[in-house]
Amino acid sequence: MGSATTQALAATEATLATTKISDLSTSRELFLAARTIGESSQLSGALSAWGVPGEARAGVAAQVFASLQPATVALVTTAAAQRWSSLDDLIGGIEALAIRAAALAVPSVDVEGELFEVARTVAVNPELELALGSRLGDASAKGTLIEKILGGRASEATTLIVSELVQQPRERRVRTLLNRALRLVADQRGRTVATVYVAAPLDAAQLTRLEGSLGQRYRADVTINTVVDPGVVGGVRIEIGDDVIDATVSSRLNDLRQRLAG
């Protein structure tokens, strides 16, 4: 991520922090804005031109999206006024605002957990991942497919996020999109996500102890997503951010084999 994009994200997130979000309408409109920019070469060119002052780019965005609610327009114009490292970063930045806005709209809904389950479903279903990630076919049809799959199984917020992301993948894998969304939701709620691989499900007491231990180590509230994997044999493997903590029996056996072979 370029320094320009880092600063632009900070500016847009600061604007979001002062925006009142009471429902999913802001998120829905932000996704619409991101998709509109991505689908219009003329608009995307106008909003990403480095030689044009930020105020002028913001003015273009304000005119194009004037029909949206004021809160959405304020967020989009703030994004348009920033310097981004690339057009893709601008679109991704507005998309990130949409995901964060969805998290703010439903603070009591476990969107992180639902996104994790969707990502796991996609991971074990290659045909579904191929259908959602294919460049062929109508984008809206992919959104409709997600709405049918998640109908009654996930919240409106999660369904919105997933259906919108698959309609504009921009050369990104579906699982990558979902994992990014999960991290954004957790970050918006002041939490860090840890994926824990175990041979058998952890009970409530074990989860509480693990959350406390990781929270103390990383100085943050930690949300744990558990993956039951018989290949682990015993122990636990933890992925949190860029860190991997592998304390599994299978890992120890593999280390032992390597020492014996060497």
C-alpha atoms as a PDB file:
ATOM      1  CA  MET A   1       0.000   0.000   0.000  1.00  0.00           C
ATOM      2  CA  GLY A   2       1.488   3.347  -1.037  1.00  0.00           C
ATOM      3  CA  SER A   3       1.946   6.238   1.397  1.00  0.00           C
ATOM      4  CA  ALA A   4      -0.627   8.291  -0.532  1.00  0.00           C
ATOM      5  CA  THR A   5      -3.257   5.597  -0.048  1.00  0.00           C
ATOM      6  CA  THR A   6      -2.382   5.231   3.638  1.00  0.00           C
ATOM      7  CA  GLN A   7      -3.007   8.941   4.194  1.00  0.00           C
ATOM      8  CA  ALA A   8      -6.174   8.861   2.080  1.00  0.00           C
ATOM      9  CA  LEU A   9      -7.587   5.974   4.097  1.00  0.00           C
ATOM     10  CA  ALA A  10      -6.898   7.826   7.327  1.00  0.00           C
ATOM     11  CA  ALA A  11      -8.773  10.871   6.018  1.00  0.00           C
ATOM     12  CA  THR A  12     -11.803   8.902   4.862  1.00  0.00           C
ATOM     13  CA  GLU A  13     -11.974   6.898   8.096  1.00  0.00           C
ATOM     14  CA  ALA A  14     -11.837  10.145  10.072  1.00  0.00           C
ATOM     15  CA  THR A  15     -14.858  11.401   8.136  1.00  0.00           C
ATOM     16  CA  LEU A  16     -16.686   8.121   8.749  1.00  0.00           C
ATOM     17  CA  ALA A  17     -16.007   8.468  12.487  1.00  0.00           C
ATOM     18  CA  THR A  18     -18.059  11.684  12.535  1.00  0.00           C
ATOM     19  CA  THR A  19     -20.868  10.273  10.379  1.00  0.00           C
ATOM     20  CA  LYS A  20     -24.072   9.041  11.979  1.00  0.00           C
ATOM     21  CA  ILE A  21     -24.831   5.545  10.690  1.00  0.00           C
ATOM     22  CA  SER A  22     -28.211   4.191  11.760  1.00  0.00           C
ATOM     23  CA  ASP A  23     -28.935   1.626   9.056  1.00  0.00           C
ATOM     24  CA  LEU A  24     -27.442  -0.095   6.023  1.00  0.00           C
ATOM     25  CA  SER A  25     -28.465   2.580   3.514  1.00  0.00           C
ATOM     26  CA  THR A  26     -25.105   4.393   3.703  1.00  0.00           C
ATOM     27  CA  SER A  27     -23.213   1.144   3.178  1.00  0.00           C
ATOM     28  CA  ARG A  28     -25.437   0.207   0.262  1.00  0.00           C
ATOM     29  CA  GLU A  29     -24.912   3.593  -1.390  1.00  0.00           C
ATOM     30  CA  LEU A  30     -21.147   3.506  -0.871  1.00  0.00           C
ATOM     31  CA  PHE A  31     -20.983   0.127  -2.601  1.00  0.00           C
ATOM     32  CA  LEU A  32     -23.019   1.633  -5.437  1.00  0.00           C
ATOM     33  CA  ALA A  33     -20.584   4.539  -5.711  1.00  0.00           C
ATOM     34  CA  ALA A  34     -17.565   2.217  -5.794  1.00  0.00           C
ATOM     35  CA  ARG A  35     -19.179   0.082  -8.498  1.00  0.00           C
ATOM     36  CA  THR A  36     -20.201   3.131 -10.539  1.00  0.00           C
ATOM     37  CA  ILE A  37     -16.658   4.499 -10.526  1.00  0.00           C
ATOM     38  CA  GLY A  38     -15.235   1.101 -11.451  1.00  0.00           C
ATOM     39  CA  GLU A  39     -17.608   0.684 -14.373  1.00  0.00           C
ATOM     40  CA  SER A  40     -17.147   4.183 -15.879  1.00  0.00           C
ATOM     41  CA  SER A  41     -13.792   4.908 -17.475  1.00  0.00           C
ATOM     42  CA  GLN A  42     -14.735   8.580 -17.878  1.00  0.00           C
ATOM     43  CA  LEU A  43     -15.679   9.017 -14.231  1.00  0.00           C
ATOM     44  CA  SER A  44     -12.777   6.977 -12.906  1.00  0.00           C
ATOM     45  CA  GLY A  45     -10.386   9.023 -15.022  1.00  0.00           C
ATOM     46  CA  ALA A  46     -11.798  12.294 -13.697  1.00  0.00           C
ATOM     47  CA  LEU A  47     -11.569  11.171 -10.072  1.00  0.00           C
ATOM     48  CA  SER A  48      -8.066   9.737 -10.284  1.00  0.00           C
ATOM     49  CA  ALA A  49      -6.330  12.470 -12.331  1.00  0.00           C
ATOM     50  CA  TRP A  50      -3.275  13.595 -10.372  1.00  0.00           C
ATOM     51  CA  GLY A  51      -3.073  16.941 -12.159  1.00  0.00           C
ATOM     52  CA  VAL A  52      -6.554  17.987 -11.023  1.00  0.00           C
ATOM     53  CA  PRO A  53      -6.962  19.707  -7.616  1.00  0.00           C
ATOM     54  CA  GLY A  54      -8.701  17.699  -4.929  1.00  0.00           C
ATOM     55  CA  GLU A  55     -11.500  20.235  -4.657  1.00  0.00           C
ATOM     56  CA  ALA A  56     -12.278  19.783  -8.350  1.00  0.00           C
ATOM     57  CA  ARG A  57     -12.370  16.004  -8.066  1.00  0.00           C
ATOM     58  CA  ALA A  58     -14.629  16.299  -5.030  1.00  0.00           C
ATOM     59  CA  GLY A  59     -16.901  18.598  -7.034  1.00  0.00           C
ATOM     60  CA  VAL A  60     -17.207  16.014  -9.800  1.00  0.00           C
ATOM     61  CA  ALA A  61     -18.105  13.331  -7.255  1.00  0.00           C
ATOM     62  CA  ALA A  62     -20.664  15.616  -5.615  1.00  0.00           C
ATOM     63  CA  GLN A  63     -22.395  16.228  -8.942  1.00  0.00           C
ATOM     64  CA  VAL A  64     -22.394  12.578 -10.037  1.00  0.00           C
ATOM     65  CA  PHE A  65     -23.679  11.258  -6.712  1.00  0.00           C
ATOM     66  CA  ALA A  66     -25.965  14.170  -5.806  1.00  0.00           C
ATOM     67  CA  SER A  67     -28.989  11.876  -5.603  1.00  0.00           C
ATOM     68  CA  LEU A  68     -27.493   9.916  -2.697  1.00  0.00           C
ATOM     69  CA  GLN A  69     -28.076  10.852   0.924  1.00  0.00           C
ATOM     70  CA  PRO A  70     -25.874  13.668   2.331  1.00  0.00           C
ATOM     71  CA  ALA A  71     -23.829  11.341   4.552  1.00  0.00           C
ATOM     72  CA  THR A  72     -22.856   9.196   1.570  1.00  0.00           C
ATOM     73  CA  VAL A  73     -22.017  12.205  -0.582  1.00  0.00           C
ATOM     74  CA  ALA A  74     -19.779  13.589   2.169  1.00  0.00           C
ATOM     75  CA  LEU A  75     -17.861  10.320   2.390  1.00  0.00           C
ATOM     76  CA  VAL A  76     -17.483   9.919  -1.372  1.00  0.00           C
ATOM     77  CA  THR A  77     -16.367  13.511  -1.894  1.00  0.00           C
ATOM     78  CA  THR A  78     -13.833  13.143   0.910  1.00  0.00           C
ATOM     79  CA  ALA A  79     -12.445  10.075  -0.822  1.00  0.00           C
ATOM     80  CA  ALA A  80     -12.391  11.798  -4.206  1.00  0.00           C
ATOM     81  CA  ALA A  81     -10.492  14.766  -2.780  1.00  0.00           C
ATOM     82  CA  GLN A  82      -7.636  12.584  -1.533  1.00  0.00           C
ATOM     83  CA  ARG A  83      -4.488  11.490  -3.353  1.00  0.00           C
ATOM     84  CA  TRP A  84      -4.520   7.724  -3.871  1.00  0.00           C
ATOM     85  CA  SER A  85      -1.648   5.604  -5.137  1.00  0.00           C
ATOM     86  CA  SER A  86      -3.878   4.168  -7.868  1.00  0.00           C
ATOM     87  CA  LEU A  87      -7.432   4.177  -9.174  1.00  0.00           C
ATOM     88  CA  ASP A  88      -7.902   0.700  -7.760  1.00  0.00           C
ATOM     89  CA  ASP A  89      -6.956   2.039  -4.319  1.00  0.00           C
ATOM     90  CA  LEU A  90      -9.584   4.797  -4.637  1.00  0.00           C
ATOM     91  CA  ILE A  91     -12.299   2.264  -5.472  1.00  0.00           C
ATOM     92  CA  GLY A  92     -11.043  -0.061  -2.749  1.00  0.00           C
ATOM     93  CA  GLY A  93     -11.062   2.814  -0.266  1.00  0.00           C
ATOM     94  CA  ILE A  94     -14.731   3.593  -0.932  1.00  0.00           C
ATOM     95  CA  GLU A  95     -15.469  -0.124  -0.767  1.00  0.00           C
ATOM     96  CA  ALA A  96     -13.725  -0.262   2.618  1.00  0.00           C
ATOM     97  CA  LEU A  97     -15.917   2.617   3.825  1.00  0.00           C
ATOM     98  CA  ALA A  98     -18.988   0.628   2.748  1.00  0.00           C
ATOM     99  CA  ILE A  99     -17.848  -2.401   4.748  1.00  0.00           C
ATOM    100  CA  ARG A 100     -17.055  -0.295   7.806  1.00  0.00           C
ATOM    101  CA  ALA A 101     -20.408   1.480   7.522  1.00  0.00           C
ATOM    102  CA  ALA A 102     -22.168  -1.901   7.500  1.00  0.00           C
ATOM    103  CA  ALA A 103     -20.312  -2.857  10.687  1.00  0.00           C
ATOM    104  CA  LEU A 104     -21.421   0.387  12.339  1.00  0.00           C
ATOM    105  CA  ALA A 105     -25.029  -0.099  11.262  1.00  0.00           C
ATOM    106  CA  VAL A 106     -25.439  -3.432  13.062  1.00  0.00           C
ATOM    107  CA  PRO A 107     -23.152  -3.355  16.131  1.00  0.00           C
ATOM    108  CA  SER A 108     -24.838  -6.330  17.797  1.00  0.00           C
ATOM    109  CA  VAL A 109     -24.618  -8.661  14.767  1.00  0.00           C
ATOM    110  CA  ASP A 110     -21.692 -11.094  14.523  1.00  0.00           C
ATOM    111  CA  VAL A 111     -20.740 -10.043  11.008  1.00  0.00           C
ATOM    112  CA  GLU A 112     -17.154 -11.250  11.513  1.00  0.00           C
ATOM    113  CA  GLY A 113     -18.318 -14.762  12.365  1.00  0.00           C
ATOM    114  CA  GLU A 114     -20.733 -14.855   9.457  1.00  0.00           C
ATOM    115  CA  LEU A 115     -18.106 -13.672   6.980  1.00  0.00           C
ATOM    116  CA  PHE A 116     -15.743 -16.330   8.288  1.00  0.00           C
ATOM    117  CA  GLU A 117     -18.338 -19.038   7.716  1.00  0.00           C
ATOM    118  CA  VAL A 118     -18.985 -17.786   4.179  1.00  0.00           C
ATOM    119  CA  ALA A 119     -15.242 -17.817   3.481  1.00  0.00           C
ATOM    120  CA  ARG A 120     -14.988 -21.390   4.796  1.00  0.00           C
ATOM    121  CA  THR A 121     -17.945 -22.470   2.646  1.00  0.00           C
ATOM    122  CA  VAL A 122     -16.291 -20.995  -0.440  1.00  0.00           C
ATOM    123  CA  ALA A 123     -12.956 -22.603   0.462  1.00  0.00           C
ATOM    124  CA  VAL A 124     -14.413 -26.118   0.553  1.00  0.00           C
ATOM    125  CA  ASN A 125     -16.582 -25.631  -2.530  1.00  0.00           C
ATOM    126  CA  PRO A 126     -14.364 -25.075  -5.602  1.00  0.00           C
ATOM    127  CA  GLU A 127     -17.359 -24.942  -7.950  1.00  0.00           C
ATOM    128  CA  LEU A 128     -18.927 -22.135  -5.948  1.00  0.00           C
ATOM    129  CA  GLU A 129     -15.641 -20.213  -5.822  1.00  0.00           C
ATOM    130  CA  LEU A 130     -15.227 -20.632  -9.561  1.00  0.00           C
ATOM    131  CA  ALA A 131     -18.781 -19.438 -10.248  1.00  0.00           C
ATOM    132  CA  LEU A 132     -18.350 -16.367  -8.062  1.00  0.00           C
ATOM    133  CA  GLY A 133     -14.859 -15.530  -9.275  1.00  0.00           C
ATOM    134  CA  SER A 134     -15.370 -16.122 -12.985  1.00  0.00           C
ATOM    135  CA  ARG A 135     -14.975 -13.161 -15.320  1.00  0.00           C
ATOM    136  CA  LEU A 136     -17.794 -14.584 -17.396  1.00  0.00           C
ATOM    137  CA  GLY A 137     -21.450 -14.054 -16.660  1.00  0.00           C
ATOM    138  CA  ASP A 138     -23.462 -11.115 -15.417  1.00  0.00           C
ATOM    139  CA  ALA A 139     -22.180  -9.476 -12.236  1.00  0.00           C
ATOM    140  CA  SER A 140     -25.672  -8.912 -10.847  1.00  0.00           C
ATOM    141  CA  ALA A 141     -26.386 -12.630 -11.245  1.00  0.00           C
ATOM    142  CA  LYS A 142     -23.514 -13.351  -8.840  1.00  0.00           C
ATOM    143  CA  GLY A 143     -25.042 -10.987  -6.329  1.00  0.00           C
ATOM    144  CA  THR A 144     -28.400 -12.696  -6.712  1.00  0.00           C
ATOM    145  CA  LEU A 145     -26.755 -16.098  -6.218  1.00  0.00           C
ATOM    146  CA  ILE A 146     -25.228 -14.956  -2.937  1.00  0.00           C
ATOM    147  CA  GLU A 147     -28.560 -13.581  -1.758  1.00  0.00           C
ATOM    148  CA  LYS A 148     -30.189 -16.955  -2.453  1.00  0.00           C
ATOM    149  CA  ILE A 149     -27.417 -18.905  -0.727  1.00  0.00           C
ATOM    150  CA  LEU A 150     -27.298 -16.699   2.368  1.00  0.00           C
ATOM    151  CA  GLY A 151     -31.020 -16.000   2.607  1.00  0.00           C
ATOM    152  CA  GLY A 152     -32.110 -16.988   6.129  1.00  0.00           C
ATOM    153  CA  ARG A 153     -28.566 -18.104   7.001  1.00  0.00           C
ATOM    154  CA  ALA A 154     -26.794 -14.774   7.420  1.00  0.00           C
ATOM    155  CA  SER A 155     -27.708 -11.241   8.420  1.00  0.00           C
ATOM    156  CA  GLU A 156     -28.694  -8.556   5.956  1.00  0.00           C
ATOM    157  CA  ALA A 157     -25.365  -6.800   6.573  1.00  0.00           C
ATOM    158  CA  THR A 158     -23.269  -9.868   5.755  1.00  0.00           C
ATOM    159  CA  THR A 159     -25.383 -10.665   2.705  1.00  0.00           C
ATOM    160  CA  LEU A 160     -24.970  -7.090   1.471  1.00  0.00           C
ATOM    161  CA  ILE A 161     -21.194  -7.143   1.899  1.00  0.00           C
ATOM    162  CA  VAL A 162     -20.683 -10.490   0.177  1.00  0.00           C
ATOM    163  CA  SER A 163     -23.115  -9.883  -2.680  1.00  0.00           C
ATOM    164  CA  GLU A 164     -21.538  -6.505  -3.444  1.00  0.00           C
ATOM    165  CA  LEU A 165     -17.955  -7.783  -3.304  1.00  0.00           C
ATOM    166  CA  VAL A 166     -18.521 -10.641  -5.727  1.00  0.00           C
ATOM    167  CA  GLN A 167     -20.033  -8.241  -8.249  1.00  0.00           C
ATOM    168  CA  GLN A 168     -16.814  -6.255  -8.507  1.00  0.00           C
ATOM    169  CA  PRO A 169     -13.864  -8.575  -7.725  1.00  0.00           C
ATOM    170  CA  ARG A 170     -11.306  -6.500  -9.699  1.00  0.00           C
ATOM    171  CA  GLU A 171      -8.934  -9.429 -10.269  1.00  0.00           C
ATOM    172  CA  ARG A 172      -9.136 -10.538  -6.622  1.00  0.00           C
ATOM    173  CA  ARG A 173      -9.999 -14.037  -5.408  1.00  0.00           C
ATOM    174  CA  VAL A 174     -13.294 -14.395  -3.563  1.00  0.00           C
ATOM    175  CA  ARG A 175     -11.623 -15.676  -0.414  1.00  0.00           C
ATOM    176  CA  THR A 176      -9.275 -12.688  -0.459  1.00  0.00           C
ATOM    177  CA  LEU A 177     -12.260 -10.351  -0.676  1.00  0.00           C
ATOM    178  CA  LEU A 178     -14.036 -12.047   2.222  1.00  0.00           C
ATOM    179  CA  ASN A 179     -10.971 -12.155   4.468  1.00  0.00           C
ATOM    180  CA  ARG A 180     -10.315  -8.453   3.844  1.00  0.00           C
ATOM    181  CA  ALA A 181     -13.934  -7.653   4.696  1.00  0.00           C
ATOM    182  CA  LEU A 182     -13.683  -9.690   7.882  1.00  0.00           C
ATOM    183  CA  ARG A 183     -10.561  -7.785   8.970  1.00  0.00           C
ATOM    184  CA  LEU A 184     -12.187  -4.423   8.198  1.00  0.00           C
ATOM    185  CA  VAL A 185     -15.293  -5.245  10.221  1.00  0.00           C
ATOM    186  CA  ALA A 186     -13.191  -6.423  13.166  1.00  0.00           C
ATOM    187  CA  ASP A 187     -10.957  -3.348  12.966  1.00  0.00           C
ATOM    188  CA  GLN A 188     -13.967  -1.030  12.878  1.00  0.00           C
ATOM    189  CA  ARG A 189     -15.154  -2.674  16.080  1.00  0.00           C
ATOM    190  CA  GLY A 190     -11.734  -2.421  17.712  1.00  0.00           C
ATOM    191  CA  ARG A 191     -10.981  -6.116  17.524  1.00  0.00           C
ATOM    192  CA  THR A 192      -8.329  -8.399  16.047  1.00  0.00           C
ATOM    193  CA  VAL A 193      -9.274 -11.667  14.331  1.00  0.00           C
ATOM    194  CA  ALA A 194      -7.500 -14.931  15.105  1.00  0.00           C
ATOM    195  CA  THR A 195      -8.102 -18.148  13.176  1.00  0.00           C
ATOM    196  CA  VAL A 196      -7.490 -21.188  15.347  1.00  0.00           C
ATOM    197  CA  TYR A 197      -6.995 -24.686  13.918  1.00  0.00           C
ATOM    198  CA  VAL A 198      -7.688 -27.559  16.333  1.00  0.00           C
ATOM    199  CA  ALA A 199      -8.335 -31.294  16.126  1.00  0.00           C
ATOM    200  CA  ALA A 200     -11.560 -31.038  18.144  1.00  0.00           C
ATOM    201  CA  PRO A 201     -13.878 -28.148  19.046  1.00  0.00           C
ATOM    202  CA  LEU A 202     -12.835 -25.977  21.995  1.00  0.00           C
ATOM    203  CA  ASP A 203     -15.260 -25.589  24.872  1.00  0.00           C
ATOM    204  CA  ALA A 204     -16.343 -22.210  26.230  1.00  0.00           C
ATOM    205  CA  ALA A 205     -13.729 -22.173  28.990  1.00  0.00           C
ATOM    206  CA  GLN A 206     -10.910 -22.967  26.569  1.00  0.00           C
ATOM    207  CA  LEU A 207     -12.061 -20.228  24.190  1.00  0.00           C
ATOM    208  CA  THR A 208     -12.218 -17.705  27.019  1.00  0.00           C
ATOM    209  CA  ARG A 209      -8.698 -18.572  28.196  1.00  0.00           C
ATOM    210  CA  LEU A 210      -7.332 -18.410  24.657  1.00  0.00           C
ATOM    211  CA  GLU A 211      -9.021 -15.064  23.966  1.00  0.00           C
ATOM    212  CA  GLY A 212      -7.577 -13.690  27.196  1.00  0.00           C
ATOM    213  CA  SER A 213      -4.085 -14.959  26.431  1.00  0.00           C
ATOM    214  CA  LEU A 214      -4.082 -13.591  22.874  1.00  0.00           C
ATOM    215  CA  GLY A 215      -5.660 -10.334  23.993  1.00  0.00           C
ATOM    216  CA  GLN A 216      -2.906  -9.825  26.542  1.00  0.00           C
ATOM    217  CA  ARG A 217      -0.195 -10.705  24.036  1.00  0.00           C
ATOM    218  CA  TYR A 218      -1.519  -8.435  21.270  1.00  0.00           C
ATOM    219  CA  ARG A 219      -3.040  -5.791  23.557  1.00  0.00           C
ATOM    220  CA  ALA A 220      -6.366  -5.931  21.772  1.00  0.00           C
ATOM    221  CA  ASP A 221      -9.772  -7.574  21.963  1.00  0.00           C
ATOM    222  CA  VAL A 222      -9.470 -10.796  19.984  1.00  0.00           C
ATOM    223  CA  THR A 223     -12.228 -12.553  18.076  1.00  0.00           C
ATOM    224  CA  ILE A 224     -11.538 -16.261  17.568  1.00  0.00           C
ATOM    225  CA  ASN A 225     -12.718 -18.211  14.546  1.00  0.00           C
ATOM    226  CA  THR A 226     -12.237 -21.929  14.994  1.00  0.00           C
ATOM    227  CA  VAL A 227     -11.469 -24.462  12.263  1.00  0.00           C
ATOM    228  CA  VAL A 228     -11.686 -28.134  13.230  1.00  0.00           C
ATOM    229  CA  ASP A 229      -9.006 -29.991  11.271  1.00  0.00           C
ATOM    230  CA  PRO A 230      -8.248 -33.656  12.102  1.00  0.00           C
ATOM    231  CA  GLY A 231      -4.859 -33.192  10.468  1.00  0.00           C
ATOM    232  CA  VAL A 232      -3.815 -31.071  13.426  1.00  0.00           C
ATOM    233  CA  VAL A 233      -3.714 -34.284  15.565  1.00  0.00           C
ATOM    234  CA  GLY A 234      -3.371 -32.312  18.799  1.00  0.00           C
ATOM    235  CA  GLY A 235      -2.429 -28.890  20.073  1.00  0.00           C
ATOM    236  CA  VAL A 236      -3.353 -25.698  18.271  1.00  0.00           C
ATOM    237  CA  ARG A 237      -2.304 -23.562  15.302  1.00  0.00           C
ATOM    238  CA  ILE A 238      -3.123 -19.861  15.480  1.00  0.00           C
ATOM    239  CA  GLU A 239      -3.058 -17.353  12.641  1.00  0.00           C
ATOM    240  CA  ILE A 240      -3.443 -13.737  13.735  1.00  0.00           C
ATOM    241  CA  GLY A 241      -2.465 -10.928  11.415  1.00  0.00           C
ATOM    242  CA  ASP A 242       0.862 -11.862   9.859  1.00  0.00           C
ATOM    243  CA  ASP A 243       1.790 -14.113  12.792  1.00  0.00           C
ATOM    244  CA  VAL A 244       1.509 -17.893  12.886  1.00  0.00           C
ATOM    245  CA  ILE A 245       1.776 -19.729  16.205  1.00  0.00           C
ATOM    246  CA  ASP A 246       2.080 -23.446  15.515  1.00  0.00           C
ATOM    247  CA  ALA A 247       1.929 -25.612  18.626  1.00  0.00           C
ATOM    248  CA  THR A 248       0.376 -28.672  16.988  1.00  0.00           C
ATOM    249  CA  VAL A 249       1.491 -32.248  17.474  1.00  0.00           C
ATOM    250  CA  SER A 250       1.722 -32.675  13.684  1.00  0.00           C
ATOM    251  CA  SER A 251       4.128 -29.735  13.504  1.00  0.00           C
ATOM    252  CA  ARG A 252       6.315 -31.171  16.235  1.00  0.00           C
ATOM    253  CA  LEU A 253       6.372 -34.565  14.537  1.00  0.00           C
ATOM    254  CA  ASN A 254       7.363 -32.939  11.271  1.00  0.00           C
ATOM    255  CA  ASP A 255      10.207 -31.073  12.995  1.00  0.00           C
ATOM    256  CA  LEU A 256      11.375 -34.335  14.552  1.00  0.00           C
ATOM    257  CA  ARG A 257      11.353 -36.090  11.172  1.00  0.00           C
ATOM    258  CA  GLN A 258      13.434 -33.301   9.657  1.00  0.00           C
ATOM    259  CA  ARG A 259      15.996 -33.531  12.472  1.00  0.00           C
ATOM    260  CA  LEU A 260      16.263 -37.285  12.084  1.00  0.00           C
ATOM    261  CA  ALA A 261      16.593 -36.974   8.311  1.00  0.00           C
ATOM    262  CA  GLY A 262      19.271 -34.302   8.657  1.00  0.00           C
END
